[in-house]
Amino acid sequence: MRTEIITYLRSLSLGNFKVSEELPRNESGVPLYLKNQNTIYCDEDQFADEPFISTLGSLSIHNTSTTVNVYVSVDGKSKPFNYDSLINGMRAAKDINSTQGFNSRTCDVSTEFVDDLLLTRLDFTYIRLT
C-alpha cells in the first residue's frame, strides 16, 4: 500500500510540500521528517493477522490488516496556508484501492509539537477478511 499512497499523495495539489520516496529513517539520531520540513514521508507496510472466526474444524477466518504511517512536519509558529487542506486531502488516501477487497479502511491523524515543529502523523489501516 505504501506505493499506492505515495502515488495518491503526488496527485494532490501539494503547494510548497513534496512527497519523498525515502523511508522516514533516522539520520544522526533525528528522523528525516523532522529534519526536512514540508516533506511527506511514508513508512513501510506493517502487517498483522488476527483471528476473527475459528471453528472446531480447520476453518479459520482472519482479519488481515496493512498499516502505513505517513509523517509530515511544518513550522509550528506559522503553519503553511494550505496545511489544513493538505491534511484533509491526505486523509482521503484511506479510500484508494477499493478493488482489493478491503472491508475496513481507517485513517487516524495525530499531531504533536517537537521543539518548534508541528509533527502530523497519519496512520492508514486497511483490513480484509482472509
N, C-alpha and C. Protein backbone atom coordinates (compact mmCIF):
# COMPACT_ATOMS: atom_id res chain seq x y z
N MET A 1 0.81 -1.20 0.00
CA MET A 1 0.00 0.00 0.00
C MET A 1 0.85 1.26 0.00
N ARG A 2 2.09 1.15 0.46
CA ARG A 2 2.96 2.33 0.50
C ARG A 2 3.06 2.98 -0.87
N THR A 3 3.28 2.17 -1.89
CA THR A 3 3.44 2.70 -3.25
C THR A 3 2.16 3.40 -3.71
N GLU A 4 1.02 2.79 -3.42
CA GLU A 4 -0.25 3.39 -3.82
C GLU A 4 -0.51 4.70 -3.10
N ILE A 5 -0.14 4.76 -1.82
CA ILE A 5 -0.32 6.01 -1.06
C ILE A 5 0.58 7.10 -1.61
N ILE A 6 1.83 6.77 -1.90
CA ILE A 6 2.75 7.77 -2.46
C ILE A 6 2.21 8.29 -3.79
N THR A 7 1.72 7.39 -4.64
CA THR A 7 1.16 7.80 -5.92
C THR A 7 -0.02 8.73 -5.71
N TYR A 8 -0.89 8.37 -4.78
CA TYR A 8 -2.05 9.21 -4.48
C TYR A 8 -1.61 10.59 -3.97
N LEU A 9 -0.67 10.62 -3.03
CA LEU A 9 -0.24 11.89 -2.46
C LEU A 9 0.37 12.80 -3.53
N ARG A 10 1.07 12.22 -4.48
CA ARG A 10 1.66 13.03 -5.56
C ARG A 10 0.60 13.63 -6.47
N SER A 11 -0.60 13.05 -6.47
CA SER A 11 -1.67 13.57 -7.33
C SER A 11 -2.38 14.77 -6.69
N LEU A 12 -2.11 15.03 -5.41
CA LEU A 12 -2.74 16.15 -4.71
C LEU A 12 -2.09 17.47 -5.10
N SER A 13 -2.80 18.54 -4.84
CA SER A 13 -2.24 19.88 -5.01
C SER A 13 -1.39 20.15 -3.77
N LEU A 14 -0.08 19.97 -3.90
CA LEU A 14 0.82 20.00 -2.74
C LEU A 14 1.32 21.39 -2.37
N GLY A 15 1.25 22.34 -3.27
CA GLY A 15 1.79 23.67 -2.97
C GLY A 15 3.28 23.58 -2.70
N ASN A 16 3.71 24.02 -1.51
CA ASN A 16 5.14 24.01 -1.17
C ASN A 16 5.57 22.71 -0.48
N PHE A 17 4.72 21.68 -0.49
CA PHE A 17 5.07 20.39 0.09
C PHE A 17 5.56 19.47 -1.02
N LYS A 18 6.34 18.46 -0.63
CA LYS A 18 6.77 17.44 -1.59
C LYS A 18 6.68 16.07 -0.93
N VAL A 19 6.59 15.04 -1.76
CA VAL A 19 6.49 13.67 -1.28
C VAL A 19 7.83 12.99 -1.55
N SER A 20 8.40 12.39 -0.52
CA SER A 20 9.70 11.72 -0.64
C SER A 20 9.51 10.23 -0.87
N GLU A 21 10.39 9.64 -1.66
CA GLU A 21 10.42 8.19 -1.84
C GLU A 21 11.16 7.52 -0.68
N GLU A 22 11.95 8.29 0.06
CA GLU A 22 12.75 7.74 1.14
C GLU A 22 11.86 7.30 2.30
N LEU A 23 12.35 6.32 3.02
CA LEU A 23 11.70 5.90 4.26
C LEU A 23 12.02 6.90 5.35
N PRO A 24 11.17 7.04 6.35
CA PRO A 24 11.42 8.03 7.42
C PRO A 24 12.46 7.55 8.43
N ARG A 25 13.62 7.28 7.96
CA ARG A 25 14.71 6.75 8.79
C ARG A 25 15.33 7.86 9.63
N ASN A 26 16.14 7.44 10.58
CA ASN A 26 16.89 8.40 11.39
C ASN A 26 18.21 8.71 10.72
N GLU A 27 18.58 9.96 10.75
CA GLU A 27 19.87 10.39 10.23
C GLU A 27 20.53 11.20 11.34
N SER A 28 21.63 10.70 11.87
CA SER A 28 22.32 11.31 13.00
C SER A 28 21.39 11.41 14.22
N GLY A 29 20.53 10.40 14.38
CA GLY A 29 19.65 10.35 15.54
C GLY A 29 18.37 11.16 15.42
N VAL A 30 18.16 11.80 14.27
CA VAL A 30 16.96 12.62 14.07
C VAL A 30 16.20 12.07 12.87
N PRO A 31 14.89 11.81 13.02
CA PRO A 31 14.11 11.32 11.87
C PRO A 31 14.12 12.33 10.72
N LEU A 32 14.13 11.82 9.50
CA LEU A 32 14.16 12.70 8.33
C LEU A 32 12.98 13.66 8.29
N TYR A 33 11.81 13.20 8.75
CA TYR A 33 10.64 14.08 8.68
C TYR A 33 10.76 15.28 9.63
N LEU A 34 11.65 15.21 10.61
CA LEU A 34 11.91 16.38 11.47
C LEU A 34 13.00 17.27 10.88
N LYS A 35 13.92 16.67 10.14
CA LYS A 35 14.99 17.45 9.51
C LYS A 35 14.50 18.21 8.29
N ASN A 36 13.56 17.62 7.57
CA ASN A 36 13.11 18.18 6.30
C ASN A 36 11.64 18.58 6.40
N GLN A 37 11.41 19.82 6.77
CA GLN A 37 10.04 20.31 6.90
C GLN A 37 9.36 20.33 5.54
N ASN A 38 8.05 20.23 5.56
CA ASN A 38 7.22 20.28 4.35
C ASN A 38 7.50 19.13 3.40
N THR A 39 8.09 18.06 3.91
CA THR A 39 8.33 16.85 3.10
C THR A 39 7.54 15.72 3.73
N ILE A 40 6.79 15.02 2.90
CA ILE A 40 5.92 13.93 3.36
C ILE A 40 6.66 12.61 3.20
N TYR A 41 6.72 11.83 4.28
CA TYR A 41 7.40 10.54 4.28
C TYR A 41 6.41 9.42 4.59
N CYS A 42 6.51 8.33 3.84
CA CYS A 42 5.66 7.15 4.06
C CYS A 42 6.54 6.01 4.55
N ASP A 43 6.12 5.39 5.63
CA ASP A 43 6.85 4.25 6.19
C ASP A 43 6.47 2.97 5.44
N GLU A 44 7.17 1.90 5.73
CA GLU A 44 6.90 0.60 5.13
C GLU A 44 5.55 0.06 5.61
N ASP A 45 4.98 -0.84 4.81
CA ASP A 45 3.74 -1.51 5.21
C ASP A 45 4.01 -2.37 6.45
N GLN A 46 3.09 -2.32 7.39
CA GLN A 46 3.12 -3.17 8.57
C GLN A 46 1.94 -4.11 8.46
N PHE A 47 2.16 -5.40 8.66
CA PHE A 47 1.10 -6.39 8.51
C PHE A 47 0.77 -7.04 9.84
N ALA A 48 -0.52 -7.35 10.02
CA ALA A 48 -0.96 -8.07 11.22
C ALA A 48 -2.09 -9.00 10.82
N ASP A 49 -2.10 -10.16 11.42
CA ASP A 49 -3.14 -11.17 11.20
C ASP A 49 -3.77 -11.49 12.55
N GLU A 50 -5.07 -11.30 12.66
CA GLU A 50 -5.77 -11.60 13.91
C GLU A 50 -6.92 -12.56 13.63
N PRO A 51 -7.11 -13.56 14.47
CA PRO A 51 -8.25 -14.46 14.28
C PRO A 51 -9.56 -13.69 14.39
N PHE A 52 -10.47 -13.97 13.48
CA PHE A 52 -11.78 -13.34 13.50
C PHE A 52 -12.85 -14.37 13.87
N ILE A 53 -12.82 -15.51 13.17
CA ILE A 53 -13.73 -16.61 13.45
C ILE A 53 -12.93 -17.91 13.37
N SER A 54 -13.03 -18.72 14.41
CA SER A 54 -12.41 -20.04 14.40
C SER A 54 -13.50 -21.06 14.67
N THR A 55 -13.44 -22.15 13.94
CA THR A 55 -14.43 -23.21 14.14
C THR A 55 -13.75 -24.44 14.71
N LEU A 56 -14.55 -25.40 15.12
CA LEU A 56 -13.98 -26.64 15.65
C LEU A 56 -13.23 -27.41 14.57
N GLY A 57 -13.62 -27.23 13.33
CA GLY A 57 -12.89 -27.86 12.23
C GLY A 57 -11.65 -27.04 11.90
N SER A 58 -11.20 -27.15 10.72
CA SER A 58 -9.97 -26.44 10.33
C SER A 58 -10.25 -25.07 9.72
N LEU A 59 -11.52 -24.68 9.62
CA LEU A 59 -11.86 -23.39 9.05
C LEU A 59 -11.48 -22.27 10.02
N SER A 60 -10.80 -21.30 9.49
CA SER A 60 -10.40 -20.16 10.30
C SER A 60 -10.43 -18.91 9.42
N ILE A 61 -11.08 -17.87 9.89
CA ILE A 61 -11.14 -16.61 9.16
C ILE A 61 -10.38 -15.57 9.98
N HIS A 62 -9.54 -14.82 9.27
CA HIS A 62 -8.69 -13.83 9.93
C HIS A 62 -8.98 -12.43 9.42
N ASN A 63 -8.73 -11.45 10.27
CA ASN A 63 -8.63 -10.06 9.86
C ASN A 63 -7.17 -9.83 9.50
N THR A 64 -6.91 -9.53 8.25
CA THR A 64 -5.55 -9.22 7.82
C THR A 64 -5.47 -7.72 7.60
N SER A 65 -4.61 -7.07 8.37
CA SER A 65 -4.52 -5.61 8.26
C SER A 65 -3.16 -5.18 7.75
N THR A 66 -3.19 -4.12 6.97
CA THR A 66 -1.99 -3.46 6.47
C THR A 66 -2.03 -2.03 6.97
N THR A 67 -0.99 -1.60 7.65
CA THR A 67 -0.92 -0.24 8.18
C THR A 67 0.28 0.48 7.58
N VAL A 68 0.05 1.72 7.16
CA VAL A 68 1.12 2.57 6.63
C VAL A 68 1.07 3.88 7.40
N ASN A 69 2.20 4.28 7.96
CA ASN A 69 2.31 5.53 8.70
C ASN A 69 2.91 6.60 7.79
N VAL A 70 2.31 7.78 7.79
CA VAL A 70 2.77 8.90 6.97
C VAL A 70 3.08 10.06 7.91
N TYR A 71 4.22 10.72 7.67
CA TYR A 71 4.68 11.80 8.54
C TYR A 71 4.94 13.07 7.73
N VAL A 72 4.62 14.20 8.33
CA VAL A 72 4.99 15.49 7.76
C VAL A 72 5.14 16.48 8.91
N SER A 73 6.16 17.33 8.82
CA SER A 73 6.36 18.37 9.85
C SER A 73 6.39 19.74 9.18
N VAL A 74 5.89 20.72 9.93
CA VAL A 74 5.88 22.10 9.46
C VAL A 74 6.31 22.99 10.62
N ASP A 75 6.60 24.24 10.29
CA ASP A 75 6.96 25.22 11.32
C ASP A 75 5.76 25.42 12.22
N GLY A 76 5.93 25.14 13.50
CA GLY A 76 4.83 25.23 14.44
C GLY A 76 4.40 26.64 14.76
N LYS A 77 5.23 27.61 14.45
CA LYS A 77 4.88 29.00 14.75
C LYS A 77 4.02 29.62 13.67
N SER A 78 4.16 29.13 12.44
CA SER A 78 3.34 29.66 11.34
C SER A 78 3.11 28.55 10.31
N LYS A 79 1.95 27.89 10.45
CA LYS A 79 1.62 26.81 9.53
C LYS A 79 1.49 27.36 8.11
N PRO A 80 1.89 26.57 7.11
CA PRO A 80 1.68 26.99 5.73
C PRO A 80 0.19 27.19 5.45
N PHE A 81 -0.14 28.07 4.52
CA PHE A 81 -1.54 28.42 4.24
C PHE A 81 -2.36 27.22 3.80
N ASN A 82 -1.75 26.24 3.15
CA ASN A 82 -2.51 25.09 2.63
C ASN A 82 -2.40 23.85 3.51
N TYR A 83 -1.91 24.00 4.72
CA TYR A 83 -1.69 22.85 5.60
C TYR A 83 -2.98 22.08 5.88
N ASP A 84 -4.03 22.77 6.29
CA ASP A 84 -5.28 22.08 6.65
C ASP A 84 -5.90 21.37 5.45
N SER A 85 -5.91 22.02 4.30
CA SER A 85 -6.48 21.37 3.11
C SER A 85 -5.60 20.20 2.67
N LEU A 86 -4.30 20.30 2.85
CA LEU A 86 -3.40 19.19 2.51
C LEU A 86 -3.69 17.98 3.40
N ILE A 87 -3.81 18.19 4.69
CA ILE A 87 -4.07 17.09 5.61
C ILE A 87 -5.42 16.44 5.28
N ASN A 88 -6.43 17.26 4.99
CA ASN A 88 -7.73 16.70 4.61
C ASN A 88 -7.63 15.88 3.33
N GLY A 89 -6.87 16.36 2.36
CA GLY A 89 -6.66 15.61 1.13
C GLY A 89 -5.90 14.32 1.37
N MET A 90 -4.91 14.38 2.25
CA MET A 90 -4.13 13.18 2.57
C MET A 90 -5.01 12.13 3.25
N ARG A 91 -5.92 12.56 4.12
CA ARG A 91 -6.80 11.63 4.82
C ARG A 91 -7.63 10.79 3.85
N ALA A 92 -7.94 11.34 2.70
CA ALA A 92 -8.76 10.63 1.72
C ALA A 92 -8.02 9.45 1.10
N ALA A 93 -6.74 9.30 1.37
CA ALA A 93 -5.99 8.15 0.86
C ALA A 93 -6.52 6.85 1.43
N LYS A 94 -7.29 6.92 2.48
CA LYS A 94 -7.87 5.69 3.04
C LYS A 94 -8.82 5.02 2.06
N ASP A 95 -9.34 5.77 1.08
CA ASP A 95 -10.31 5.24 0.14
C ASP A 95 -9.71 4.74 -1.17
N ILE A 96 -8.38 4.76 -1.29
CA ILE A 96 -7.78 4.27 -2.53
C ILE A 96 -7.81 2.75 -2.56
N ASN A 97 -7.65 2.19 -3.74
CA ASN A 97 -7.58 0.73 -3.96
C ASN A 97 -8.81 0.01 -3.46
N SER A 98 -9.97 0.49 -3.84
CA SER A 98 -11.20 -0.14 -3.40
C SER A 98 -11.40 -1.51 -4.04
N THR A 99 -10.62 -1.85 -5.06
CA THR A 99 -10.77 -3.14 -5.74
C THR A 99 -10.03 -4.28 -5.03
N GLN A 100 -9.28 -4.00 -3.98
CA GLN A 100 -8.52 -5.05 -3.30
C GLN A 100 -9.31 -5.77 -2.22
N GLY A 101 -10.59 -5.49 -2.09
CA GLY A 101 -11.44 -6.23 -1.17
C GLY A 101 -11.31 -5.86 0.29
N PHE A 102 -10.91 -4.64 0.58
CA PHE A 102 -10.82 -4.23 1.98
C PHE A 102 -12.23 -3.99 2.51
N ASN A 103 -12.54 -4.54 3.67
CA ASN A 103 -13.85 -4.30 4.25
C ASN A 103 -13.81 -3.18 5.30
N SER A 104 -12.62 -2.70 5.61
CA SER A 104 -12.49 -1.58 6.53
C SER A 104 -11.25 -0.77 6.15
N ARG A 105 -11.44 0.54 6.12
CA ARG A 105 -10.33 1.46 5.83
C ARG A 105 -10.42 2.60 6.84
N THR A 106 -9.34 2.87 7.55
CA THR A 106 -9.36 3.96 8.52
C THR A 106 -8.11 4.82 8.37
N CYS A 107 -8.23 6.05 8.84
CA CYS A 107 -7.09 6.96 8.90
C CYS A 107 -7.16 7.69 10.24
N ASP A 108 -6.17 7.46 11.08
CA ASP A 108 -6.07 8.15 12.36
C ASP A 108 -5.01 9.24 12.22
N VAL A 109 -5.37 10.45 12.59
CA VAL A 109 -4.46 11.59 12.49
C VAL A 109 -4.09 12.05 13.89
N SER A 110 -2.79 12.22 14.13
CA SER A 110 -2.35 12.75 15.42
C SER A 110 -1.30 13.83 15.16
N THR A 111 -1.27 14.81 16.04
CA THR A 111 -0.30 15.89 15.93
C THR A 111 0.39 16.08 17.28
N GLU A 112 1.61 16.54 17.19
CA GLU A 112 2.36 16.87 18.41
C GLU A 112 3.41 17.91 18.05
N PHE A 113 3.84 18.65 19.05
CA PHE A 113 4.91 19.61 18.85
C PHE A 113 6.23 18.96 19.25
N VAL A 114 7.20 19.07 18.38
CA VAL A 114 8.55 18.61 18.65
C VAL A 114 9.44 19.84 18.46
N ASP A 115 9.90 20.38 19.57
CA ASP A 115 10.61 21.67 19.56
C ASP A 115 9.71 22.71 18.89
N ASP A 116 10.17 23.33 17.80
CA ASP A 116 9.38 24.35 17.12
C ASP A 116 8.53 23.79 15.98
N LEU A 117 8.53 22.48 15.82
CA LEU A 117 7.84 21.88 14.68
C LEU A 117 6.51 21.27 15.09
N LEU A 118 5.54 21.37 14.19
CA LEU A 118 4.27 20.68 14.34
C LEU A 118 4.38 19.41 13.51
N LEU A 119 4.39 18.26 14.17
CA LEU A 119 4.51 16.97 13.50
C LEU A 119 3.13 16.35 13.39
N THR A 120 2.77 15.98 12.17
CA THR A 120 1.48 15.31 11.92
C THR A 120 1.77 13.90 11.44
N ARG A 121 1.08 12.95 12.05
CA ARG A 121 1.22 11.54 11.68
C ARG A 121 -0.15 11.01 11.28
N LEU A 122 -0.21 10.39 10.11
CA LEU A 122 -1.43 9.77 9.64
C LEU A 122 -1.19 8.28 9.58
N ASP A 123 -2.03 7.51 10.26
CA ASP A 123 -1.92 6.06 10.28
C ASP A 123 -3.07 5.48 9.46
N PHE A 124 -2.73 4.95 8.29
CA PHE A 124 -3.71 4.34 7.41
C PHE A 124 -3.76 2.85 7.69
N THR A 125 -4.95 2.32 7.95
CA THR A 125 -5.12 0.89 8.19
C THR A 125 -6.18 0.35 7.24
N TYR A 126 -5.79 -0.69 6.52
CA TYR A 126 -6.67 -1.36 5.57
C TYR A 126 -6.85 -2.80 6.06
N ILE A 127 -8.11 -3.23 6.22
CA ILE A 127 -8.39 -4.55 6.77
C ILE A 127 -9.27 -5.32 5.79
N ARG A 128 -8.93 -6.61 5.62
CA ARG A 128 -9.76 -7.51 4.83
C ARG A 128 -9.86 -8.85 5.54
N LEU A 129 -10.95 -9.55 5.30
CA LEU A 129 -11.12 -10.89 5.84
C LEU A 129 -10.43 -11.88 4.92
N THR A 130 -9.66 -12.80 5.52
CA THR A 130 -8.98 -13.83 4.71
C THR A 130 -9.23 -15.20 5.31
